[in-house]
């Protein structure tokens, strides 16, 4: 239910090309930061470094509704990115309106449920009153494993599930390694658990992000009390041999312990699910 404070705002799921200029939405900032990447210019074929500020905007009304947002660097001026990083800190809440949608990213690369991207530099953004407890809004993926298995085209997506098993880490090359992760949840047919297996690729030496992810995965295996995790930007990929799932932090993948009602439910049924042969 919308509180009085949010009564004149819309559900984030209603954000589209038509409503963007007219509506207003209350959102929390999640996972903000400046990202760097290497690329080669088409005209001069010279290597360059690209930069951008990125974050996820999570609906204050419903954390299962969230969308990607960014500020791009124009020419080589990083000042707007630094200003965005100083302004859009994790957990702060804003009301957005006159929303500028950026259509430069293909939908298959957007993992959020809203297949849109917001240009914060061109959007009206007004700070909101912050609650005293200052709790950060965490996105709650609403897809279950059964939904993921229905994907036909290449697509990034998010899912909340239990880590059922983890393989040994295997070398791919001198600079890459991989681990196979199997997830389960309660969306299978006839009361059976649904299962999804993906390959998680890491560069060597491991980045801080990959070390954190591996720690979460290993802890979830070692503890009897199974952690329920949300997996963001998993990659479903159409291949010659069918459909496969993989993950790579260089392609936005990250993992968090899930904290929503679905996570509580999966925690309650985890033991039963793991006792059923798949």
Protein backbone atom coordinates (compact mmCIF):
# COMPACT_ATOMS: atom_id res chain seq x y z
CA UNK A 1 0.00 0.00 0.00
CA UNK A 2 1.19 3.52 -0.78
CA UNK A 3 1.66 5.69 2.29
CA UNK A 4 0.50 9.30 2.30
CA UNK A 5 4.03 10.35 1.40
CA UNK A 6 3.94 8.22 -1.75
CA UNK A 7 0.23 8.49 -2.62
CA UNK A 8 0.82 10.80 -5.60
CA UNK A 9 3.55 8.64 -7.11
CA UNK A 10 3.26 5.72 -9.50
CA UNK A 11 4.37 2.10 -9.48
CA UNK A 12 7.79 1.85 -11.13
CA UNK A 13 6.43 -0.91 -13.39
CA UNK A 14 4.34 1.83 -15.06
CA UNK A 15 7.45 3.70 -16.25
CA UNK A 16 7.52 3.65 -20.06
CA UNK A 17 8.09 5.92 -23.03
CA UNK A 18 4.68 7.56 -22.61
CA UNK A 19 4.56 7.95 -18.82
CA UNK A 20 8.23 9.01 -18.40
CA UNK A 21 7.55 12.72 -18.97
CA UNK A 22 4.32 12.83 -16.93
CA UNK A 23 4.68 10.55 -13.89
CA UNK A 24 6.77 10.66 -10.73
CA UNK A 25 8.36 7.81 -8.81
CA UNK A 26 9.98 7.42 -5.38
CA UNK A 27 13.13 5.33 -5.52
CA UNK A 28 16.08 4.30 -3.35
CA UNK A 29 19.68 4.17 -4.59
CA UNK A 30 21.30 0.73 -4.67
CA UNK A 31 24.84 -0.29 -5.62
CA UNK A 32 26.08 3.10 -6.88
CA UNK A 33 29.59 3.50 -8.28
CA UNK A 34 31.84 4.61 -11.12
CA UNK A 35 32.68 1.80 -13.55
CA UNK A 36 35.60 1.63 -15.99
CA UNK A 37 36.02 -0.47 -19.10
CA UNK A 38 38.47 -0.77 -21.98
CA UNK A 39 37.43 -0.45 -25.63
CA UNK A 40 38.88 0.28 -29.06
CA UNK A 41 37.63 3.30 -31.02
CA UNK A 42 36.08 2.47 -34.39
CA UNK A 43 37.65 5.42 -36.22
CA UNK A 44 41.25 5.37 -34.92
CA UNK A 45 41.40 1.74 -33.65
CA UNK A 46 43.13 3.11 -30.54
CA UNK A 47 42.54 1.57 -27.07
CA UNK A 48 40.60 3.85 -24.72
CA UNK A 49 39.09 3.71 -21.23
CA UNK A 50 35.38 4.35 -20.89
CA UNK A 51 33.78 5.45 -17.62
CA UNK A 52 30.26 5.78 -16.33
CA UNK A 53 28.36 6.17 -13.05
CA UNK A 54 25.85 3.36 -12.54
CA UNK A 55 23.29 2.43 -9.94
CA UNK A 56 20.01 0.56 -9.54
CA UNK A 57 16.86 2.53 -8.63
CA UNK A 58 14.57 0.47 -6.38
CA UNK A 59 10.88 1.36 -5.98
CA UNK A 60 10.05 2.55 -2.45
CA UNK A 61 6.55 1.06 -2.93
CA UNK A 62 7.69 -2.37 -4.15
CA UNK A 63 11.34 -3.57 -4.15
CA UNK A 64 10.53 -6.21 -6.79
CA UNK A 65 10.34 -3.25 -9.21
CA UNK A 66 13.75 -1.80 -10.02
CA UNK A 67 15.57 -0.30 -12.98
CA UNK A 68 19.13 0.53 -14.12
CA UNK A 69 20.29 4.16 -14.14
CA UNK A 70 23.49 5.87 -15.21
CA UNK A 71 25.40 9.07 -15.95
CA UNK A 72 27.63 8.72 -19.00
CA UNK A 73 30.95 10.48 -19.45
CA UNK A 74 30.97 13.01 -22.29
CA UNK A 75 34.40 13.37 -23.98
CA UNK A 76 36.99 12.81 -21.22
CA UNK A 77 35.30 14.88 -18.50
CA UNK A 78 34.80 12.70 -15.39
CA UNK A 79 33.46 15.56 -13.22
CA UNK A 80 29.74 14.72 -13.81
CA UNK A 81 30.45 11.13 -12.71
CA UNK A 82 32.15 12.27 -9.51
CA UNK A 83 29.27 14.65 -8.80
CA UNK A 84 26.77 11.82 -9.34
CA UNK A 85 28.76 9.55 -6.99
CA UNK A 86 28.71 12.26 -4.32
CA UNK A 87 24.96 12.86 -4.74
CA UNK A 88 23.52 9.37 -5.28
CA UNK A 89 24.77 7.47 -2.24
CA UNK A 90 23.52 3.98 -1.34
CA UNK A 91 20.30 4.05 0.65
CA UNK A 92 19.33 7.66 -0.15
CA UNK A 93 15.83 8.17 -1.55
CA UNK A 94 14.77 10.49 -4.36
CA UNK A 95 11.64 11.41 -6.29
CA UNK A 96 12.26 11.23 -10.03
CA UNK A 97 10.15 12.91 -12.72
CA UNK A 98 10.56 14.15 -16.31
CA UNK A 99 12.47 10.88 -16.70
CA UNK A 100 14.93 10.60 -19.61
CA UNK A 101 15.09 7.04 -20.92
CA UNK A 102 18.30 5.95 -22.62
CA UNK A 103 17.72 3.44 -25.42
CA UNK A 104 21.38 2.80 -26.27
CA UNK A 105 21.55 -0.52 -24.34
CA UNK A 106 20.01 -3.63 -25.90
CA UNK A 107 17.28 -5.24 -23.77
CA UNK A 108 19.14 -8.55 -23.60
CA UNK A 109 21.92 -6.84 -21.57
CA UNK A 110 19.50 -5.37 -19.00
CA UNK A 111 19.01 -7.76 -16.07
CA UNK A 112 16.46 -5.65 -14.17
CA UNK A 113 12.72 -6.50 -14.48
CA UNK A 114 12.15 -3.11 -16.15
CA UNK A 115 13.94 -3.33 -19.48
CA UNK A 116 14.69 0.39 -19.47
CA UNK A 117 17.70 2.52 -18.55
CA UNK A 118 17.40 5.98 -16.98
CA UNK A 119 19.77 8.84 -17.79
CA UNK A 120 20.05 10.54 -14.39
CA UNK A 121 21.87 13.56 -15.89
CA UNK A 122 18.72 14.49 -17.87
CA UNK A 123 16.11 13.43 -15.27
CA UNK A 124 14.56 15.67 -12.59
CA UNK A 125 15.74 14.28 -9.24
CA UNK A 126 14.52 15.63 -5.87
CA UNK A 127 15.90 14.30 -2.54
CA UNK A 128 13.29 12.82 -0.19
CA UNK A 129 13.12 12.73 3.60
CA UNK A 130 15.34 9.90 4.81
CA UNK A 131 14.08 7.48 7.47
CA UNK A 132 16.05 7.49 10.72
CA UNK A 133 17.00 3.82 10.46
CA UNK A 134 18.41 4.54 6.98
CA UNK A 135 17.79 1.00 5.75
CA UNK A 136 19.01 0.45 2.18
CA UNK A 137 16.30 -0.78 -0.15
CA UNK A 138 17.48 -4.07 -1.65
CA UNK A 139 16.02 -5.25 -4.98
CA UNK A 140 13.87 -8.39 -4.67
CA UNK A 141 13.98 -10.48 -7.86
CA UNK A 142 10.52 -11.89 -8.58
CA UNK A 143 11.58 -14.50 -11.16
CA UNK A 144 11.72 -18.12 -10.05
CA UNK A 145 13.85 -20.88 -11.62
CA UNK A 146 10.89 -22.17 -13.64
CA UNK A 147 10.58 -18.71 -15.28
CA UNK A 148 14.32 -18.67 -16.08
CA UNK A 149 14.11 -22.09 -17.75
CA UNK A 150 11.41 -20.75 -20.10
CA UNK A 151 13.76 -18.13 -21.60
CA UNK A 152 14.30 -18.66 -25.33
CA UNK A 153 16.56 -15.78 -26.35
CA UNK A 154 19.84 -14.54 -24.86
CA UNK A 155 18.95 -12.43 -21.81
CA UNK A 156 20.40 -11.31 -18.48
CA UNK A 157 18.08 -11.81 -15.51
CA UNK A 158 17.88 -11.96 -11.69
CA UNK A 159 16.63 -14.80 -9.49
CA UNK A 160 16.40 -15.69 -5.79
CA UNK A 161 17.25 -19.31 -4.94
CA UNK A 162 19.08 -21.76 -2.66
CA UNK A 163 22.66 -22.82 -3.49
CA UNK A 164 22.34 -26.61 -3.72
CA UNK A 165 25.88 -27.50 -4.78
CA UNK A 166 29.19 -26.06 -5.83
CA UNK A 167 31.84 -27.80 -7.93
CA UNK A 168 35.60 -27.60 -7.47
CA UNK A 169 37.14 -24.52 -9.09
CA UNK A 170 38.67 -25.49 -12.46
CA UNK A 171 41.23 -23.60 -14.59
CA UNK A 172 40.01 -22.34 -17.99
CA UNK A 173 43.33 -20.75 -18.98
CA UNK A 174 46.31 -19.09 -17.28
CA UNK A 175 44.15 -16.06 -16.54
CA UNK A 176 40.65 -17.55 -16.06
CA UNK A 177 38.95 -20.10 -13.81
CA UNK A 178 35.39 -21.38 -13.48
CA UNK A 179 33.13 -22.96 -10.87
CA UNK A 180 29.78 -24.67 -11.54
CA UNK A 181 26.91 -23.59 -9.26
CA UNK A 182 23.59 -25.44 -8.95
CA UNK A 183 20.56 -23.56 -7.61
CA UNK A 184 17.19 -24.92 -6.51
CA UNK A 185 13.85 -23.44 -5.50
CA UNK A 186 10.25 -24.60 -5.00
CA UNK A 187 8.94 -23.78 -8.50
CA UNK A 188 9.33 -27.31 -9.91
CA UNK A 189 6.40 -29.46 -11.03
CA UNK A 190 4.77 -32.12 -8.81
CA UNK A 191 6.37 -30.74 -5.63
CA UNK A 192 9.88 -31.37 -6.92
CA UNK A 193 12.57 -28.70 -6.69
CA UNK A 194 13.35 -26.74 -9.85
CA UNK A 195 17.05 -26.72 -10.68
CA UNK A 196 19.32 -24.33 -12.59
CA UNK A 197 23.07 -24.81 -13.11
CA UNK A 198 25.37 -22.02 -14.23
CA UNK A 199 29.10 -21.55 -14.83
CA UNK A 200 30.67 -18.68 -12.87
CA UNK A 201 33.80 -17.38 -14.65
CA UNK A 202 36.51 -15.46 -12.76
CA UNK A 203 39.68 -13.69 -13.85
CA UNK A 204 43.00 -14.41 -12.14
CA UNK A 205 44.06 -12.94 -9.84
CA UNK A 206 40.53 -12.81 -8.41
CA UNK A 207 38.95 -9.38 -8.12
CA UNK A 208 37.55 -8.26 -4.76
CA UNK A 209 34.03 -8.71 -6.17
CA UNK A 210 34.72 -12.33 -7.21
CA UNK A 211 36.37 -13.11 -3.87
CA UNK A 212 33.24 -11.83 -2.06
CA UNK A 213 30.96 -13.90 -4.34
CA UNK A 214 33.02 -17.07 -3.82
CA UNK A 215 32.94 -16.50 -0.07
CA UNK A 216 29.10 -16.22 -0.12
CA UNK A 217 28.81 -19.39 -2.25
CA UNK A 218 31.23 -21.40 -0.08
CA UNK A 219 29.61 -20.24 3.17
CA UNK A 220 26.22 -21.29 1.84
CA UNK A 221 27.66 -24.78 1.30
CA UNK A 222 29.41 -25.10 4.64
CA UNK A 223 26.54 -23.94 6.84
CA UNK A 224 23.70 -26.32 7.74
CA UNK A 225 21.41 -23.29 7.82
CA UNK A 226 21.23 -22.73 4.06
CA UNK A 227 21.53 -19.15 2.91
CA UNK A 228 19.03 -17.99 0.31
CA UNK A 229 20.71 -15.66 -2.18
CA UNK A 230 19.65 -13.26 -4.90
CA UNK A 231 21.70 -13.66 -8.10
CA UNK A 232 21.84 -10.56 -10.28
CA UNK A 233 22.73 -10.40 -14.00
CA UNK A 234 22.91 -14.12 -14.65
CA UNK A 235 23.34 -14.64 -18.39
CA UNK A 236 21.02 -16.99 -20.26
CA UNK A 237 22.62 -17.70 -23.60
CA UNK A 238 21.25 -19.35 -26.72
CA UNK A 239 23.95 -21.62 -28.20
CA UNK A 240 24.22 -24.16 -31.03
CA UNK A 241 23.73 -26.91 -28.43
CA UNK A 242 20.67 -25.35 -26.82
CA UNK A 243 20.52 -22.92 -23.91
CA UNK A 244 23.14 -22.39 -21.19
CA UNK A 245 23.54 -20.20 -18.12
CA UNK A 246 26.68 -18.40 -17.03
CA UNK A 247 27.88 -15.51 -14.87
CA UNK A 248 30.77 -13.05 -14.94
CA UNK A 249 31.26 -10.00 -12.69
CA UNK A 250 32.68 -8.13 -15.72
CA UNK A 251 29.15 -8.44 -17.10
CA UNK A 252 27.40 -6.98 -14.01
CA UNK A 253 26.94 -10.30 -12.12
CA UNK A 254 26.81 -10.12 -8.31
CA UNK A 255 25.28 -12.07 -5.40
CA UNK A 256 23.63 -10.96 -2.14
CA UNK A 257 21.99 -12.77 0.72
CA UNK A 258 18.26 -12.31 0.07
CA UNK A 259 16.18 -10.58 2.75
CA UNK A 260 12.60 -10.50 1.43
CA UNK A 261 9.51 -12.65 2.12
CA UNK A 262 10.38 -15.08 -0.67
CA UNK A 263 13.79 -15.65 0.94
CA UNK A 264 12.13 -16.38 4.30
CA UNK A 265 9.79 -18.88 2.62
CA UNK A 266 12.64 -20.64 0.77
CA UNK A 267 14.62 -20.84 4.01
CA UNK A 268 11.67 -22.61 5.64
CA UNK A 269 11.38 -25.21 2.84
CA UNK A 270 15.12 -25.57 2.08
CA UNK A 271 15.61 -28.76 4.09
CA UNK A 272 12.61 -30.46 2.44
CA UNK A 273 13.70 -29.38 -1.05
CA UNK A 274 17.20 -30.75 -0.56
CA UNK A 275 15.84 -34.07 0.67
CA UNK A 276 13.89 -34.66 -2.59
CA UNK A 277 15.84 -36.35 -5.43
CA UNK A 278 15.97 -34.03 -8.47
